[in-house]
Amino acid sequence: MYIVNGIVYAGYPTKEIKVQTVKPLDDMMMIVTFTSGEKRLFDATPLLSMPAFKALENDSIFESATVEHGVVVWNDGEIDIAPEYMYKNSYSYDEIIT
């Protein structure tokens, strides 16, 4: 438990996670670079089961992903996803340079 500005939170404080860059790939995959410098591979496919993300089935909308204020957004900000969720549900990614 910890307290910030008079509010009691369960668990432990975590370092703020923000997205620096995002690169959509084929098959609903994305390379996400976080402000920590880590690059991670995120599979957005599970999001399609949630009504708020149904529009991402449209390839042009999915590929339009941008970063605003450390958060990945689509459709001019109508759709967004928490950077903490992306980090927790992604995998370490090391680029292979040939």
PDB file of N, CA and C in Angstrom:
ATOM      1  N   MET A   1       0.848  -1.166   0.000  1.00  0.00           N
ATOM      2  CA  MET A   1       0.000   0.000   0.000  1.00  0.00           C
ATOM      3  C   MET A   1       0.900   1.237   0.000  1.00  0.00           C
ATOM      4  N   TYR A   2       0.435   2.298  -0.701  1.00  0.00           N
ATOM      5  CA  TYR A   2       1.155   3.561  -0.703  1.00  0.00           C
ATOM      6  C   TYR A   2       0.165   4.709  -0.861  1.00  0.00           C
ATOM      7  N   ILE A   3       0.623   5.907  -0.502  1.00  0.00           N
ATOM      8  CA  ILE A   3      -0.244   7.086  -0.525  1.00  0.00           C
ATOM      9  C   ILE A   3       0.395   8.155  -1.403  1.00  0.00           C
ATOM     10  N   VAL A   4      -0.399   8.716  -2.318  1.00  0.00           N
ATOM     11  CA  VAL A   4       0.041   9.818  -3.171  1.00  0.00           C
ATOM     12  C   VAL A   4      -1.048  10.882  -3.127  1.00  0.00           C
ATOM     13  N   ASN A   5      -0.665  12.093  -2.756  1.00  0.00           N
ATOM     14  CA  ASN A   5      -1.619  13.204  -2.680  1.00  0.00           C
ATOM     15  C   ASN A   5      -2.861  12.856  -1.854  1.00  0.00           C
ATOM     16  N   GLY A   6      -2.652  12.136  -0.750  1.00  0.00           N
ATOM     17  CA  GLY A   6      -3.746  11.810   0.139  1.00  0.00           C
ATOM     18  C   GLY A   6      -4.626  10.663  -0.320  1.00  0.00           C
ATOM     19  N   ILE A   7      -4.266  10.017  -1.428  1.00  0.00           N
ATOM     20  CA  ILE A   7      -5.044   8.888  -1.942  1.00  0.00           C
ATOM     21  C   ILE A   7      -4.277   7.608  -1.647  1.00  0.00           C
ATOM     22  N   VAL A   8      -4.956   6.619  -1.082  1.00  0.00           N
ATOM     23  CA  VAL A   8      -4.333   5.342  -0.736  1.00  0.00           C
ATOM     24  C   VAL A   8      -4.520   4.370  -1.901  1.00  0.00           C
ATOM     25  N   TYR A   9      -3.403   3.771  -2.326  1.00  0.00           N
ATOM     26  CA  TYR A   9      -3.413   2.808  -3.426  1.00  0.00           C
ATOM     27  C   TYR A   9      -2.972   1.439  -2.921  1.00  0.00           C
ATOM     28  N   ALA A  10      -3.553   0.386  -3.471  1.00  0.00           N
ATOM     29  CA  ALA A  10      -3.124  -0.970  -3.148  1.00  0.00           C
ATOM     30  C   ALA A  10      -1.875  -1.295  -3.964  1.00  0.00           C
ATOM     31  N   GLY A  11      -1.102  -2.224  -3.509  1.00  0.00           N
ATOM     32  CA  GLY A  11       0.072  -2.651  -4.248  1.00  0.00           C
ATOM     33  C   GLY A  11       1.264  -1.759  -4.002  1.00  0.00           C
ATOM     34  N   TYR A  12       2.098  -1.654  -5.010  1.00  0.00           N
ATOM     35  CA  TYR A  12       3.340  -0.892  -4.911  1.00  0.00           C
ATOM     36  C   TYR A  12       3.381   0.164  -6.000  1.00  0.00           C
ATOM     37  N   PRO A  13       4.017   1.291  -5.727  1.00  0.00           N
ATOM     38  CA  PRO A  13       4.119   2.304  -6.779  1.00  0.00           C
ATOM     39  C   PRO A  13       4.936   1.775  -7.949  1.00  0.00           C
ATOM     40  N   THR A  14       4.515   2.139  -9.137  1.00  0.00           N
ATOM     41  CA  THR A  14       5.241   1.728 -10.331  1.00  0.00           C
ATOM     42  C   THR A  14       5.736   2.963 -11.072  1.00  0.00           C
ATOM     43  N   LYS A  15       6.797   2.771 -11.807  1.00  0.00           N
ATOM     44  CA  LYS A  15       7.345   3.846 -12.612  1.00  0.00           C
ATOM     45  C   LYS A  15       6.386   4.119 -13.778  1.00  0.00           C
ATOM     46  N   GLU A  16       6.185   5.392 -14.061  1.00  0.00           N
ATOM     47  CA  GLU A  16       5.281   5.753 -15.152  1.00  0.00           C
ATOM     48  C   GLU A  16       5.824   5.224 -16.479  1.00  0.00           C
ATOM     49  N   ILE A  17       4.955   4.617 -17.243  1.00  0.00           N
ATOM     50  CA  ILE A  17       5.332   4.057 -18.541  1.00  0.00           C
ATOM     51  C   ILE A  17       4.628   4.870 -19.620  1.00  0.00           C
ATOM     52  N   LYS A  18       5.404   5.329 -20.593  1.00  0.00           N
ATOM     53  CA  LYS A  18       4.826   6.042 -21.734  1.00  0.00           C
ATOM     54  C   LYS A  18       5.397   5.462 -23.015  1.00  0.00           C
ATOM     55  N   VAL A  19       4.638   5.624 -24.078  1.00  0.00           N
ATOM     56  CA  VAL A  19       5.082   5.172 -25.395  1.00  0.00           C
ATOM     57  C   VAL A  19       5.787   6.326 -26.091  1.00  0.00           C
ATOM     58  N   GLN A  20       6.915   6.020 -26.695  1.00  0.00           N
ATOM     59  CA  GLN A  20       7.671   7.026 -27.441  1.00  0.00           C
ATOM     60  C   GLN A  20       7.350   6.943 -28.937  1.00  0.00           C
ATOM     61  N   THR A  21       7.372   5.712 -29.475  1.00  0.00           N
ATOM     62  CA  THR A  21       7.048   5.514 -30.895  1.00  0.00           C
ATOM     63  C   THR A  21       6.267   4.209 -31.052  1.00  0.00           C
ATOM     64  N   VAL A  22       5.527   4.133 -32.145  1.00  0.00           N
ATOM     65  CA  VAL A  22       4.796   2.913 -32.470  1.00  0.00           C
ATOM     66  C   VAL A  22       4.916   2.672 -33.972  1.00  0.00           C
ATOM     67  N   LYS A  23       5.110   1.396 -34.334  1.00  0.00           N
ATOM     68  CA  LYS A  23       5.210   1.025 -35.748  1.00  0.00           C
ATOM     69  C   LYS A  23       4.285  -0.162 -35.995  1.00  0.00           C
ATOM     70  N   PRO A  24       3.130   0.083 -36.644  1.00  0.00           N
ATOM     71  CA  PRO A  24       2.231  -1.028 -36.977  1.00  0.00           C
ATOM     72  C   PRO A  24       2.874  -1.961 -38.002  1.00  0.00           C
ATOM     73  N   LEU A  25       2.660  -3.250 -37.815  1.00  0.00           N
ATOM     74  CA  LEU A  25       3.156  -4.279 -38.727  1.00  0.00           C
ATOM     75  C   LEU A  25       1.964  -5.064 -39.268  1.00  0.00           C
ATOM     76  N   ASP A  26       2.228  -6.108 -40.009  1.00  0.00           N
ATOM     77  CA  ASP A  26       1.168  -6.989 -40.509  1.00  0.00           C
ATOM     78  C   ASP A  26       0.571  -7.801 -39.360  1.00  0.00           C
ATOM     79  N   ASP A  27      -0.601  -8.355 -39.598  1.00  0.00           N
ATOM     80  CA  ASP A  27      -1.257  -9.281 -38.672  1.00  0.00           C
ATOM     81  C   ASP A  27      -1.482  -8.703 -37.280  1.00  0.00           C
ATOM     82  N   MET A  28      -1.828  -7.415 -37.201  1.00  0.00           N
ATOM     83  CA  MET A  28      -2.177  -6.757 -35.942  1.00  0.00           C
ATOM     84  C   MET A  28      -1.016  -6.688 -34.945  1.00  0.00           C
ATOM     85  N   MET A  29       0.191  -6.760 -35.429  1.00  0.00           N
ATOM     86  CA  MET A  29       1.371  -6.660 -34.568  1.00  0.00           C
ATOM     87  C   MET A  29       1.913  -5.240 -34.626  1.00  0.00           C
ATOM     88  N   MET A  30       2.601  -4.826 -33.558  1.00  0.00           N
ATOM     89  CA  MET A  30       3.185  -3.490 -33.490  1.00  0.00           C
ATOM     90  C   MET A  30       4.521  -3.564 -32.762  1.00  0.00           C
ATOM     91  N   ILE A  31       5.465  -2.746 -33.207  1.00  0.00           N
ATOM     92  CA  ILE A  31       6.689  -2.549 -32.437  1.00  0.00           C
ATOM     93  C   ILE A  31       6.493  -1.246 -31.676  1.00  0.00           C
ATOM     94  N   VAL A  32       6.576  -1.345 -30.365  1.00  0.00           N
ATOM     95  CA  VAL A  32       6.344  -0.195 -29.500  1.00  0.00           C
ATOM     96  C   VAL A  32       7.637   0.135 -28.771  1.00  0.00           C
ATOM     97  N   THR A  33       8.062   1.387 -28.870  1.00  0.00           N
ATOM     98  CA  THR A  33       9.232   1.840 -28.126  1.00  0.00           C
ATOM     99  C   THR A  33       8.734   2.687 -26.961  1.00  0.00           C
ATOM    100  N   PHE A  34       9.142   2.301 -25.762  1.00  0.00           N
ATOM    101  CA  PHE A  34       8.728   3.005 -24.559  1.00  0.00           C
ATOM    102  C   PHE A  34       9.784   4.040 -24.182  1.00  0.00           C
ATOM    103  N   THR A  35       9.404   4.999 -23.350  1.00  0.00           N
ATOM    104  CA  THR A  35      10.331   6.064 -22.960  1.00  0.00           C
ATOM    105  C   THR A  35      11.529   5.532 -22.195  1.00  0.00           C
ATOM    106  N   SER A  36      11.462   4.299 -21.734  1.00  0.00           N
ATOM    107  CA  SER A  36      12.607   3.657 -21.072  1.00  0.00           C
ATOM    108  C   SER A  36      13.669   3.249 -22.086  1.00  0.00           C
ATOM    109  N   GLY A  37      13.305   3.314 -23.383  1.00  0.00           N
ATOM    110  CA  GLY A  37      14.211   2.885 -24.442  1.00  0.00           C
ATOM    111  C   GLY A  37      13.957   1.453 -24.892  1.00  0.00           C
ATOM    112  N   GLU A  38      13.118   0.729 -24.150  1.00  0.00           N
ATOM    113  CA  GLU A  38      12.806  -0.654 -24.511  1.00  0.00           C
ATOM    114  C   GLU A  38      11.917  -0.714 -25.745  1.00  0.00           C
ATOM    115  N   LYS A  39      12.240  -1.658 -26.638  1.00  0.00           N
ATOM    116  CA  LYS A  39      11.373  -1.952 -27.779  1.00  0.00           C
ATOM    117  C   LYS A  39      10.688  -3.261 -27.471  1.00  0.00           C
ATOM    118  N   ARG A  40       9.354  -3.277 -27.698  1.00  0.00           N
ATOM    119  CA  ARG A  40       8.576  -4.473 -27.394  1.00  0.00           C
ATOM    120  C   ARG A  40       7.601  -4.757 -28.533  1.00  0.00           C
ATOM    121  N   LEU A  41       7.284  -6.027 -28.715  1.00  0.00           N
ATOM    122  CA  LEU A  41       6.368  -6.473 -29.753  1.00  0.00           C
ATOM    123  C   LEU A  41       4.999  -6.691 -29.117  1.00  0.00           C
ATOM    124  N   PHE A  42       3.988  -5.989 -29.629  1.00  0.00           N
ATOM    125  CA  PHE A  42       2.635  -6.043 -29.085  1.00  0.00           C
ATOM    126  C   PHE A  42       1.688  -6.618 -30.126  1.00  0.00           C
ATOM    127  N   ASP A  43       0.909  -7.623 -29.722  1.00  0.00           N
ATOM    128  CA  ASP A  43      -0.102  -8.228 -30.583  1.00  0.00           C
ATOM    129  C   ASP A  43      -1.456  -7.626 -30.215  1.00  0.00           C
ATOM    130  N   ALA A  44      -2.044  -6.859 -31.134  1.00  0.00           N
ATOM    131  CA  ALA A  44      -3.316  -6.181 -30.870  1.00  0.00           C
ATOM    132  C   ALA A  44      -4.528  -7.062 -31.148  1.00  0.00           C
ATOM    133  N   THR A  45      -4.328  -8.273 -31.638  1.00  0.00           N
ATOM    134  CA  THR A  45      -5.444  -9.148 -31.987  1.00  0.00           C
ATOM    135  C   THR A  45      -6.445  -9.343 -30.849  1.00  0.00           C
ATOM    136  N   PRO A  46      -6.019  -9.588 -29.606  1.00  0.00           N
ATOM    137  CA  PRO A  46      -6.991  -9.785 -28.523  1.00  0.00           C
ATOM    138  C   PRO A  46      -7.902  -8.570 -28.286  1.00  0.00           C
ATOM    139  N   LEU A  47      -7.472  -7.399 -28.701  1.00  0.00           N
ATOM    140  CA  LEU A  47      -8.291  -6.201 -28.515  1.00  0.00           C
ATOM    141  C   LEU A  47      -9.583  -6.252 -29.324  1.00  0.00           C
ATOM    142  N   LEU A  48      -9.563  -6.986 -30.444  1.00  0.00           N
ATOM    143  CA  LEU A  48     -10.721  -7.024 -31.335  1.00  0.00           C
ATOM    144  C   LEU A  48     -11.958  -7.622 -30.674  1.00  0.00           C
ATOM    145  N   SER A  49     -11.777  -8.355 -29.583  1.00  0.00           N
ATOM    146  CA  SER A  49     -12.928  -8.941 -28.893  1.00  0.00           C
ATOM    147  C   SER A  49     -13.662  -7.903 -28.036  1.00  0.00           C
ATOM    148  N   MET A  50     -13.070  -6.722 -27.892  1.00  0.00           N
ATOM    149  CA  MET A  50     -13.693  -5.653 -27.101  1.00  0.00           C
ATOM    150  C   MET A  50     -14.312  -4.620 -28.040  1.00  0.00           C
ATOM    151  N   PRO A  51     -15.575  -4.258 -27.807  1.00  0.00           N
ATOM    152  CA  PRO A  51     -16.274  -3.330 -28.712  1.00  0.00           C
ATOM    153  C   PRO A  51     -15.523  -2.014 -28.961  1.00  0.00           C
ATOM    154  N   ALA A  52     -14.829  -1.489 -27.994  1.00  0.00           N
ATOM    155  CA  ALA A  52     -14.136  -0.208 -28.160  1.00  0.00           C
ATOM    156  C   ALA A  52     -13.038  -0.268 -29.219  1.00  0.00           C
ATOM    157  N   PHE A  53     -12.534  -1.484 -29.502  1.00  0.00           N
ATOM    158  CA  PHE A  53     -11.427  -1.635 -30.446  1.00  0.00           C
ATOM    159  C   PHE A  53     -11.850  -2.294 -31.760  1.00  0.00           C
ATOM    160  N   LYS A  54     -13.137  -2.534 -31.947  1.00  0.00           N
ATOM    161  CA  LYS A  54     -13.635  -3.228 -33.138  1.00  0.00           C
ATOM    162  C   LYS A  54     -13.205  -2.539 -34.442  1.00  0.00           C
ATOM    163  N   ALA A  55     -13.099  -1.220 -34.432  1.00  0.00           N
ATOM    164  CA  ALA A  55     -12.710  -0.472 -35.635  1.00  0.00           C
ATOM    165  C   ALA A  55     -11.305  -0.831 -36.117  1.00  0.00           C
ATOM    166  N   LEU A  56     -10.478  -1.402 -35.246  1.00  0.00           N
ATOM    167  CA  LEU A  56      -9.107  -1.756 -35.632  1.00  0.00           C
ATOM    168  C   LEU A  56      -9.065  -2.920 -36.615  1.00  0.00           C
ATOM    169  N   GLU A  57     -10.206  -3.582 -36.831  1.00  0.00           N
ATOM    170  CA  GLU A  57     -10.273  -4.620 -37.868  1.00  0.00           C
ATOM    171  C   GLU A  57     -10.004  -4.020 -39.245  1.00  0.00           C
ATOM    172  N   ASN A  58     -10.305  -2.749 -39.401  1.00  0.00           N
ATOM    173  CA  ASN A  58     -10.038  -2.030 -40.645  1.00  0.00           C
ATOM    174  C   ASN A  58      -8.537  -1.731 -40.705  1.00  0.00           C
ATOM    175  N   ASP A  59      -7.850  -2.316 -41.673  1.00  0.00           N
ATOM    176  CA  ASP A  59      -6.396  -2.164 -41.770  1.00  0.00           C
ATOM    177  C   ASP A  59      -5.943  -0.709 -41.806  1.00  0.00           C
ATOM    178  N   SER A  60      -6.673   0.130 -42.525  1.00  0.00           N
ATOM    179  CA  SER A  60      -6.243   1.533 -42.630  1.00  0.00           C
ATOM    180  C   SER A  60      -6.334   2.247 -41.277  1.00  0.00           C
ATOM    181  N   ILE A  61      -7.318   1.878 -40.459  1.00  0.00           N
ATOM    182  CA  ILE A  61      -7.407   2.474 -39.124  1.00  0.00           C
ATOM    183  C   ILE A  61      -6.283   1.937 -38.243  1.00  0.00           C
ATOM    184  N   PHE A  62      -6.073   0.613 -38.252  1.00  0.00           N
ATOM    185  CA  PHE A  62      -4.994   0.028 -37.441  1.00  0.00           C
ATOM    186  C   PHE A  62      -3.644   0.638 -37.801  1.00  0.00           C
ATOM    187  N   GLU A  63      -3.375   0.776 -39.089  1.00  0.00           N
ATOM    188  CA  GLU A  63      -2.080   1.294 -39.547  1.00  0.00           C
ATOM    189  C   GLU A  63      -1.911   2.785 -39.285  1.00  0.00           C
ATOM    190  N   SER A  64      -2.987   3.472 -38.898  1.00  0.00           N
ATOM    191  CA  SER A  64      -2.899   4.912 -38.633  1.00  0.00           C
ATOM    192  C   SER A  64      -2.469   5.225 -37.195  1.00  0.00           C
ATOM    193  N   ALA A  65      -2.044   4.216 -36.450  1.00  0.00           N
ATOM    194  CA  ALA A  65      -1.646   4.410 -35.052  1.00  0.00           C
ATOM    195  C   ALA A  65      -0.587   5.501 -34.924  1.00  0.00           C
ATOM    196  N   THR A  66      -0.795   6.376 -33.952  1.00  0.00           N
ATOM    197  CA  THR A  66       0.175   7.423 -33.632  1.00  0.00           C
ATOM    198  C   THR A  66       0.300   7.493 -32.112  1.00  0.00           C
ATOM    199  N   VAL A  67       1.239   8.314 -31.669  1.00  0.00           N
ATOM    200  CA  VAL A  67       1.440   8.500 -30.234  1.00  0.00           C
ATOM    201  C   VAL A  67       1.083   9.935 -29.870  1.00  0.00           C
ATOM    202  N   GLU A  68       0.219  10.079 -28.884  1.00  0.00           N
ATOM    203  CA  GLU A  68      -0.148  11.395 -28.361  1.00  0.00           C
ATOM    204  C   GLU A  68       0.040  11.380 -26.849  1.00  0.00           C
ATOM    205  N   HIS A  69       0.895  12.242 -26.360  1.00  0.00           N
ATOM    206  CA  HIS A  69       1.129  12.363 -24.910  1.00  0.00           C
ATOM    207  C   HIS A  69       1.496  11.031 -24.276  1.00  0.00           C
ATOM    208  N   GLY A  70       2.287  10.213 -24.984  1.00  0.00           N
ATOM    209  CA  GLY A  70       2.751   8.945 -24.439  1.00  0.00           C
ATOM    210  C   GLY A  70       1.778   7.796 -24.534  1.00  0.00           C
ATOM    211  N   VAL A  71       0.677   7.985 -25.298  1.00  0.00           N
ATOM    212  CA  VAL A  71      -0.366   6.972 -25.437  1.00  0.00           C
ATOM    213  C   VAL A  71      -0.582   6.687 -26.921  1.00  0.00           C
ATOM    214  N   VAL A  72      -0.740   5.407 -27.284  1.00  0.00           N
ATOM    215  CA  VAL A  72      -1.047   5.041 -28.667  1.00  0.00           C
ATOM    216  C   VAL A  72      -2.524   5.324 -28.919  1.00  0.00           C
ATOM    217  N   VAL A  73      -2.789   6.033 -30.025  1.00  0.00           N
ATOM    218  CA  VAL A  73      -4.162   6.380 -30.397  1.00  0.00           C
ATOM    219  C   VAL A  73      -4.400   6.048 -31.873  1.00  0.00           C
ATOM    220  N   TRP A  74      -5.668   5.852 -32.178  1.00  0.00           N
ATOM    221  CA  TRP A  74      -6.116   5.636 -33.555  1.00  0.00           C
ATOM    222  C   TRP A  74      -7.319   6.529 -33.804  1.00  0.00           C
ATOM    223  N   ASN A  75      -7.626   6.723 -35.073  1.00  0.00           N
ATOM    224  CA  ASN A  75      -8.846   7.425 -35.473  1.00  0.00           C
ATOM    225  C   ASN A  75      -8.924   8.820 -34.840  1.00  0.00           C
ATOM    226  N   ASP A  76      -7.852   9.580 -34.981  1.00  0.00           N
ATOM    227  CA  ASP A  76      -7.793  10.945 -34.431  1.00  0.00           C
ATOM    228  C   ASP A  76      -8.081  10.998 -32.938  1.00  0.00           C
ATOM    229  N   GLY A  77      -7.617   9.997 -32.208  1.00  0.00           N
ATOM    230  CA  GLY A  77      -7.765   9.996 -30.760  1.00  0.00           C
ATOM    231  C   GLY A  77      -9.056   9.397 -30.244  1.00  0.00           C
ATOM    232  N   GLU A  78      -9.925   8.929 -31.137  1.00  0.00           N
ATOM    233  CA  GLU A  78     -11.181   8.309 -30.695  1.00  0.00           C
ATOM    234  C   GLU A  78     -10.937   6.981 -29.982  1.00  0.00           C
ATOM    235  N   ILE A  79      -9.849   6.308 -30.360  1.00  0.00           N
ATOM    236  CA  ILE A  79      -9.491   5.021 -29.764  1.00  0.00           C
ATOM    237  C   ILE A  79      -8.102   5.179 -29.160  1.00  0.00           C
ATOM    238  N   ASP A  80      -7.936   4.725 -27.916  1.00  0.00           N
ATOM    239  CA  ASP A  80      -6.610   4.746 -27.307  1.00  0.00           C
ATOM    240  C   ASP A  80      -6.446   3.531 -26.408  1.00  0.00           C
ATOM    241  N   ILE A  81      -5.207   3.293 -26.018  1.00  0.00           N
ATOM    242  CA  ILE A  81      -4.914   2.140 -25.168  1.00  0.00           C
ATOM    243  C   ILE A  81      -3.857   2.538 -24.145  1.00  0.00           C
ATOM    244  N   ALA A  82      -4.035   2.093 -22.934  1.00  0.00           N
ATOM    245  CA  ALA A  82      -3.114   2.438 -21.852  1.00  0.00           C
ATOM    246  C   ALA A  82      -1.728   1.874 -22.130  1.00  0.00           C
ATOM    247  N   PRO A  83      -0.693   2.699 -21.980  1.00  0.00           N
ATOM    248  CA  PRO A  83       0.666   2.207 -22.202  1.00  0.00           C
ATOM    249  C   PRO A  83       1.038   1.073 -21.246  1.00  0.00           C
ATOM    250  N   GLU A  84       0.484   1.086 -20.046  1.00  0.00           N
ATOM    251  CA  GLU A  84       0.761   0.018 -19.074  1.00  0.00           C
ATOM    252  C   GLU A  84       0.244  -1.326 -19.588  1.00  0.00           C
ATOM    253  N   TYR A  85      -0.931  -1.302 -20.231  1.00  0.00           N
ATOM    254  CA  TYR A  85      -1.495  -2.521 -20.805  1.00  0.00           C
ATOM    255  C   TYR A  85      -0.598  -3.025 -21.931  1.00  0.00           C
ATOM    256  N   MET A  86      -0.160  -2.115 -22.778  1.00  0.00           N
ATOM    257  CA  MET A  86       0.697  -2.510 -23.900  1.00  0.00           C
ATOM    258  C   MET A  86       2.004  -3.108 -23.394  1.00  0.00           C
ATOM    259  N   TYR A  87       2.571  -2.509 -22.372  1.00  0.00           N
ATOM    260  CA  TYR A  87       3.839  -3.009 -21.845  1.00  0.00           C
ATOM    261  C   TYR A  87       3.650  -4.399 -21.245  1.00  0.00           C
ATOM    262  N   LYS A  88       2.633  -4.543 -20.418  1.00  0.00           N
ATOM    263  CA  LYS A  88       2.383  -5.810 -19.732  1.00  0.00           C
ATOM    264  C   LYS A  88       2.061  -6.939 -20.702  1.00  0.00           C
ATOM    265  N   ASN A  89       1.437  -6.608 -21.824  1.00  0.00           N
ATOM    266  CA  ASN A  89       0.994  -7.611 -22.787  1.00  0.00           C
ATOM    267  C   ASN A  89       1.848  -7.638 -24.049  1.00  0.00           C
ATOM    268  N   SER A  90       3.106  -7.286 -23.915  1.00  0.00           N
ATOM    269  CA  SER A  90       4.020  -7.300 -25.055  1.00  0.00           C
ATOM    270  C   SER A  90       5.270  -8.101 -24.689  1.00  0.00           C
ATOM    271  N   TYR A  91       6.116  -8.292 -25.667  1.00  0.00           N
ATOM    272  CA  TYR A  91       7.305  -9.122 -25.506  1.00  0.00           C
ATOM    273  C   TYR A  91       8.539  -8.335 -25.921  1.00  0.00           C
ATOM    274  N   SER A  92       9.619  -8.585 -25.244  1.00  0.00           N
ATOM    275  CA  SER A  92      10.883  -7.931 -25.577  1.00  0.00           C
ATOM    276  C   SER A  92      11.185  -8.151 -27.059  1.00  0.00           C
ATOM    277  N   TYR A  93      11.702  -7.112 -27.704  1.00  0.00           N
ATOM    278  CA  TYR A  93      11.949  -7.181 -29.146  1.00  0.00           C
ATOM    279  C   TYR A  93      13.336  -6.634 -29.443  1.00  0.00           C
ATOM    280  N   ASP A  94      14.168  -7.450 -30.026  1.00  0.00           N
ATOM    281  CA  ASP A  94      15.506  -7.023 -30.431  1.00  0.00           C
ATOM    282  C   ASP A  94      15.571  -7.066 -31.952  1.00  0.00           C
ATOM    283  N   GLU A  95      15.866  -5.924 -32.542  1.00  0.00           N
ATOM    284  CA  GLU A  95      15.953  -5.855 -33.994  1.00  0.00           C
ATOM    285  C   GLU A  95      17.196  -6.598 -34.461  1.00  0.00           C
ATOM    286  N   ILE A  96      17.049  -7.289 -35.571  1.00  0.00           N
ATOM    287  CA  ILE A  96      18.187  -7.975 -36.191  1.00  0.00           C
ATOM    288  C   ILE A  96      18.607  -7.124 -37.377  1.00  0.00           C
ATOM    289  N   ILE A  97      19.828  -6.657 -37.336  1.00  0.00           N
ATOM    290  CA  ILE A  97      20.351  -5.829 -38.429  1.00  0.00           C
ATOM    291  C   ILE A  97      21.204  -6.709 -39.317  1.00  0.00           C
ATOM    292  N   THR A  98      20.844  -6.717 -40.617  1.00  0.00           N
ATOM    293  CA  THR A  98      21.602  -7.566 -41.553  1.00  0.00           C
ATOM    294  C   THR A  98      22.410  -6.737 -42.504  1.00  0.00           C
TER     295      THR A  98
END
